[in-house]
N, C-alpha and C. Protein backbone atom coordinates (compact mmCIF):
# COMPACT_ATOMS: atom_id res chain seq x y z
N MET A 1 -81.38 -42.37 -119.44
CA MET A 1 -82.84 -42.22 -119.39
C MET A 1 -83.37 -42.42 -117.98
N HIS A 2 -84.18 -41.64 -117.45
CA HIS A 2 -84.82 -41.78 -116.16
C HIS A 2 -85.62 -43.06 -116.25
N PRO A 3 -85.47 -43.86 -115.21
CA PRO A 3 -86.16 -45.16 -115.27
C PRO A 3 -87.63 -45.03 -115.35
N ASP A 4 -88.28 -43.93 -114.86
CA ASP A 4 -89.72 -43.74 -114.99
C ASP A 4 -90.10 -43.26 -116.33
N HIS A 5 -89.13 -43.06 -117.27
CA HIS A 5 -89.55 -42.54 -118.55
C HIS A 5 -89.36 -43.63 -119.67
N LYS A 6 -89.29 -44.84 -119.27
CA LYS A 6 -89.15 -45.97 -120.24
C LYS A 6 -90.43 -46.03 -121.22
N LYS A 7 -91.61 -45.85 -120.66
CA LYS A 7 -92.84 -45.82 -121.42
C LYS A 7 -92.83 -44.76 -122.43
N GLU A 8 -92.29 -43.55 -121.99
CA GLU A 8 -92.32 -42.36 -122.83
C GLU A 8 -91.30 -42.61 -123.96
N GLY A 9 -90.20 -43.28 -123.73
CA GLY A 9 -89.34 -43.59 -124.81
C GLY A 9 -89.94 -44.48 -125.86
N ILE A 10 -90.71 -45.45 -125.39
CA ILE A 10 -91.31 -46.35 -126.31
C ILE A 10 -92.42 -45.57 -127.20
N ARG A 11 -93.17 -44.73 -126.50
CA ARG A 11 -94.19 -43.86 -127.14
C ARG A 11 -93.60 -43.00 -128.14
N LEU A 12 -92.39 -42.35 -127.85
CA LEU A 12 -91.78 -41.44 -128.76
C LEU A 12 -91.22 -42.20 -129.98
N LYS A 13 -90.81 -43.45 -129.77
CA LYS A 13 -90.39 -44.30 -130.95
C LYS A 13 -91.54 -44.42 -131.85
N ARG A 14 -92.76 -44.68 -131.27
CA ARG A 14 -93.94 -44.84 -132.13
C ARG A 14 -94.25 -43.52 -132.86
N VAL A 15 -94.05 -42.40 -132.20
CA VAL A 15 -94.33 -41.13 -132.85
C VAL A 15 -93.25 -40.85 -133.96
N ARG A 16 -92.01 -41.38 -133.79
CA ARG A 16 -91.05 -41.28 -134.82
C ARG A 16 -91.60 -42.07 -136.08
N GLY A 17 -92.15 -43.31 -135.77
CA GLY A 17 -92.78 -44.07 -136.99
C GLY A 17 -93.84 -43.20 -137.66
N GLN A 18 -94.75 -42.52 -136.88
CA GLN A 18 -95.80 -41.76 -137.40
C GLN A 18 -95.24 -40.65 -138.29
N ILE A 19 -94.18 -39.94 -137.77
CA ILE A 19 -93.53 -38.89 -138.52
C ILE A 19 -92.95 -39.53 -139.84
N ASP A 20 -92.30 -40.55 -139.78
CA ASP A 20 -91.77 -41.27 -141.02
C ASP A 20 -92.98 -41.48 -141.94
N GLY A 21 -94.05 -41.94 -141.48
CA GLY A 21 -95.27 -42.16 -142.28
C GLY A 21 -95.75 -40.90 -142.91
N ILE A 22 -95.81 -39.80 -142.19
CA ILE A 22 -96.23 -38.51 -142.69
C ILE A 22 -95.22 -38.03 -143.78
N LEU A 23 -93.95 -38.22 -143.65
CA LEU A 23 -92.97 -37.87 -144.67
C LEU A 23 -93.23 -38.64 -145.87
N ALA A 24 -93.55 -39.94 -145.75
CA ALA A 24 -93.82 -40.81 -146.98
C ALA A 24 -95.15 -40.31 -147.61
N MET A 25 -96.17 -39.94 -146.82
CA MET A 25 -97.30 -39.44 -147.43
C MET A 25 -97.03 -38.15 -148.24
N ILE A 26 -96.24 -37.27 -147.77
CA ILE A 26 -95.84 -36.09 -148.47
C ILE A 26 -95.14 -36.44 -149.73
N ASP A 27 -94.12 -37.29 -149.68
CA ASP A 27 -93.38 -37.72 -150.81
C ASP A 27 -94.29 -38.39 -151.88
N ASP A 28 -95.35 -39.09 -151.36
CA ASP A 28 -96.37 -39.72 -152.31
C ASP A 28 -97.37 -38.75 -152.83
N ARG A 29 -97.34 -37.55 -152.38
CA ARG A 29 -98.27 -36.46 -152.72
C ARG A 29 -99.70 -36.90 -152.35
N ARG A 30 -99.89 -37.40 -151.14
CA ARG A 30 -101.15 -37.83 -150.72
C ARG A 30 -102.07 -36.66 -150.43
N TYR A 31 -103.40 -36.84 -150.25
CA TYR A 31 -104.32 -35.81 -150.06
C TYR A 31 -104.07 -35.10 -148.76
N CYS A 32 -104.04 -33.75 -148.92
CA CYS A 32 -103.63 -32.89 -147.77
C CYS A 32 -104.40 -33.23 -146.47
N PRO A 33 -105.73 -33.29 -146.53
CA PRO A 33 -106.47 -33.58 -145.29
C PRO A 33 -106.01 -34.86 -144.62
N ASP A 34 -105.65 -35.86 -145.37
CA ASP A 34 -105.18 -37.13 -144.83
C ASP A 34 -103.81 -36.96 -144.09
N ILE A 35 -102.98 -36.11 -144.69
CA ILE A 35 -101.67 -35.75 -144.02
C ILE A 35 -101.92 -34.94 -142.75
N LEU A 36 -102.87 -34.01 -142.83
CA LEU A 36 -103.12 -33.25 -141.64
C LEU A 36 -103.69 -34.08 -140.52
N ILE A 37 -104.51 -35.04 -140.78
CA ILE A 37 -105.10 -35.95 -139.80
C ILE A 37 -103.87 -36.69 -139.11
N GLN A 38 -102.86 -37.18 -139.85
CA GLN A 38 -101.75 -37.80 -139.32
C GLN A 38 -100.81 -36.87 -138.52
N ILE A 39 -100.72 -35.64 -138.98
CA ILE A 39 -99.91 -34.66 -138.19
C ILE A 39 -100.56 -34.39 -136.77
N ARG A 40 -101.92 -34.26 -136.82
CA ARG A 40 -102.54 -34.05 -135.56
C ARG A 40 -102.46 -35.25 -134.61
N ALA A 41 -102.47 -36.46 -135.16
CA ALA A 41 -102.30 -37.61 -134.28
C ALA A 41 -100.89 -37.58 -133.75
N ALA A 42 -99.89 -37.31 -134.48
CA ALA A 42 -98.57 -37.20 -133.96
C ALA A 42 -98.44 -36.13 -132.86
N LYS A 43 -99.04 -35.00 -133.09
CA LYS A 43 -99.04 -33.96 -132.12
C LYS A 43 -99.75 -34.35 -130.81
N ALA A 44 -100.77 -35.07 -130.98
CA ALA A 44 -101.54 -35.50 -129.77
C ALA A 44 -100.63 -36.49 -128.97
N ALA A 45 -99.93 -37.36 -129.67
CA ALA A 45 -99.05 -38.35 -129.05
C ALA A 45 -97.95 -37.69 -128.24
N ILE A 46 -97.35 -36.69 -128.84
CA ILE A 46 -96.27 -35.92 -128.30
C ILE A 46 -96.76 -35.15 -126.99
N GLN A 47 -97.98 -34.65 -127.11
CA GLN A 47 -98.54 -33.84 -126.01
C GLN A 47 -98.81 -34.88 -124.92
N ALA A 48 -99.24 -36.12 -125.19
CA ALA A 48 -99.53 -37.13 -124.14
C ALA A 48 -98.18 -37.45 -123.47
N VAL A 49 -97.14 -37.58 -124.20
CA VAL A 49 -95.80 -37.85 -123.68
C VAL A 49 -95.32 -36.73 -122.69
N GLU A 50 -95.65 -35.49 -123.21
CA GLU A 50 -95.23 -34.30 -122.46
C GLU A 50 -95.96 -34.29 -121.05
N LEU A 51 -97.19 -34.52 -121.08
CA LEU A 51 -97.98 -34.60 -119.84
C LEU A 51 -97.47 -35.69 -118.92
N SER A 52 -97.07 -36.80 -119.45
CA SER A 52 -96.65 -37.96 -118.69
C SER A 52 -95.28 -37.57 -117.99
N VAL A 53 -94.40 -36.90 -118.79
CA VAL A 53 -93.15 -36.55 -118.19
C VAL A 53 -93.33 -35.51 -117.15
N LEU A 54 -94.18 -34.51 -117.40
CA LEU A 54 -94.39 -33.47 -116.36
C LEU A 54 -95.04 -34.12 -115.12
N ASN A 55 -95.99 -35.06 -115.30
CA ASN A 55 -96.51 -35.72 -114.10
C ASN A 55 -95.46 -36.48 -113.30
N THR A 56 -94.51 -37.14 -113.99
CA THR A 56 -93.43 -37.81 -113.32
C THR A 56 -92.55 -36.80 -112.47
N HIS A 57 -92.33 -35.67 -113.24
CA HIS A 57 -91.49 -34.58 -112.68
C HIS A 57 -92.16 -34.19 -111.33
N LEU A 58 -93.50 -33.92 -111.33
CA LEU A 58 -94.25 -33.44 -110.26
C LEU A 58 -94.25 -34.51 -109.11
N ASP A 59 -94.51 -35.72 -109.41
CA ASP A 59 -94.53 -36.82 -108.50
C ASP A 59 -93.26 -37.04 -107.78
N ASN A 60 -92.17 -36.88 -108.51
CA ASN A 60 -90.86 -37.21 -107.96
C ASN A 60 -90.11 -35.95 -107.65
N CYS A 61 -89.47 -35.37 -108.59
CA CYS A 61 -88.56 -34.19 -108.31
C CYS A 61 -89.14 -33.07 -107.45
N VAL A 62 -90.35 -32.55 -107.88
CA VAL A 62 -91.02 -31.44 -107.21
C VAL A 62 -91.46 -31.84 -105.85
N SER A 63 -92.11 -33.03 -105.76
CA SER A 63 -92.65 -33.52 -104.47
C SER A 63 -91.51 -33.74 -103.54
N GLU A 64 -90.44 -34.36 -103.93
CA GLU A 64 -89.23 -34.60 -103.02
C GLU A 64 -88.70 -33.29 -102.53
N ALA A 65 -88.61 -32.21 -103.39
CA ALA A 65 -88.08 -30.95 -103.02
C ALA A 65 -88.94 -30.33 -101.94
N ILE A 66 -90.23 -30.45 -102.05
CA ILE A 66 -91.15 -29.84 -101.15
C ILE A 66 -91.10 -30.63 -99.81
N HIS A 67 -91.04 -31.92 -99.80
CA HIS A 67 -91.00 -32.69 -98.63
C HIS A 67 -89.70 -32.71 -97.89
N SER A 68 -88.63 -32.26 -98.64
CA SER A 68 -87.31 -32.26 -98.07
C SER A 68 -87.00 -31.29 -96.95
N LYS A 69 -87.98 -30.34 -96.86
CA LYS A 69 -87.78 -29.21 -95.91
C LYS A 69 -86.72 -28.30 -96.25
N ASP A 70 -86.09 -28.43 -97.47
CA ASP A 70 -85.16 -27.46 -97.92
C ASP A 70 -85.87 -26.45 -98.70
N GLU A 71 -86.11 -25.26 -98.07
CA GLU A 71 -86.93 -24.28 -98.68
C GLU A 71 -86.37 -23.72 -100.01
N ASP A 72 -85.07 -23.59 -100.11
CA ASP A 72 -84.38 -23.07 -101.31
C ASP A 72 -84.67 -24.15 -102.44
N LYS A 73 -84.46 -25.38 -102.18
CA LYS A 73 -84.65 -26.39 -103.21
C LYS A 73 -86.12 -26.37 -103.67
N ALA A 74 -87.10 -26.31 -102.73
CA ALA A 74 -88.52 -26.26 -103.04
C ALA A 74 -88.84 -25.09 -103.91
N LYS A 75 -88.30 -23.90 -103.53
CA LYS A 75 -88.52 -22.70 -104.35
C LYS A 75 -88.00 -22.86 -105.72
N GLU A 76 -86.79 -23.41 -105.86
CA GLU A 76 -86.18 -23.63 -107.13
C GLU A 76 -86.96 -24.53 -108.00
N LYS A 77 -87.56 -25.61 -107.50
CA LYS A 77 -88.33 -26.53 -108.31
C LYS A 77 -89.70 -25.82 -108.76
N ILE A 78 -90.25 -25.01 -107.82
CA ILE A 78 -91.47 -24.34 -108.12
C ILE A 78 -91.25 -23.35 -109.20
N THR A 79 -90.13 -22.61 -109.15
CA THR A 79 -89.89 -21.54 -110.11
C THR A 79 -89.55 -22.32 -111.48
N GLU A 80 -88.84 -23.43 -111.49
CA GLU A 80 -88.60 -24.19 -112.59
C GLU A 80 -89.92 -24.58 -113.31
N LEU A 81 -90.85 -25.10 -112.40
CA LEU A 81 -92.17 -25.49 -112.93
C LEU A 81 -92.99 -24.43 -113.56
N ILE A 82 -92.97 -23.20 -112.90
CA ILE A 82 -93.69 -22.09 -113.41
C ILE A 82 -93.15 -21.69 -114.84
N GLN A 83 -91.71 -21.74 -114.96
CA GLN A 83 -91.06 -21.33 -116.19
C GLN A 83 -91.51 -22.36 -117.32
N LEU A 84 -91.50 -23.65 -116.91
CA LEU A 84 -91.90 -24.72 -117.88
C LEU A 84 -93.33 -24.52 -118.37
N ILE A 85 -94.17 -24.21 -117.47
CA ILE A 85 -95.64 -24.04 -117.80
C ILE A 85 -95.78 -22.68 -118.69
N GLY A 86 -95.04 -21.67 -118.28
CA GLY A 86 -95.08 -20.43 -119.11
C GLY A 86 -94.52 -20.64 -120.48
N ARG A 87 -93.67 -21.51 -120.69
CA ARG A 87 -93.11 -21.77 -122.13
C ARG A 87 -94.12 -22.54 -122.99
N HIS A 88 -95.09 -23.20 -122.28
CA HIS A 88 -95.97 -24.07 -122.93
C HIS A 88 -97.00 -23.31 -123.74
N LYS A 89 -97.18 -22.00 -123.38
CA LYS A 89 -98.30 -21.28 -123.97
C LYS A 89 -98.12 -21.13 -125.51
């Protein structure tokens, strides 16, 4: 695990707990809107982790590539970033 992603690992373990709770709600045949609220909360938590990982990538990997004066490495990281953002749609 990247040392800067320790917080994200902890947050994802919390999301795993949320997912387990959602599965229990489904097994218990809980009210659909209550299940949907929990699903949205889990999605929001995952999106927050995603943004955090992306910010770390920008602050470290992409920034280092740009400041390294290695034009090929910088272009590679920028292309990679564009592809990641394109997949997010």
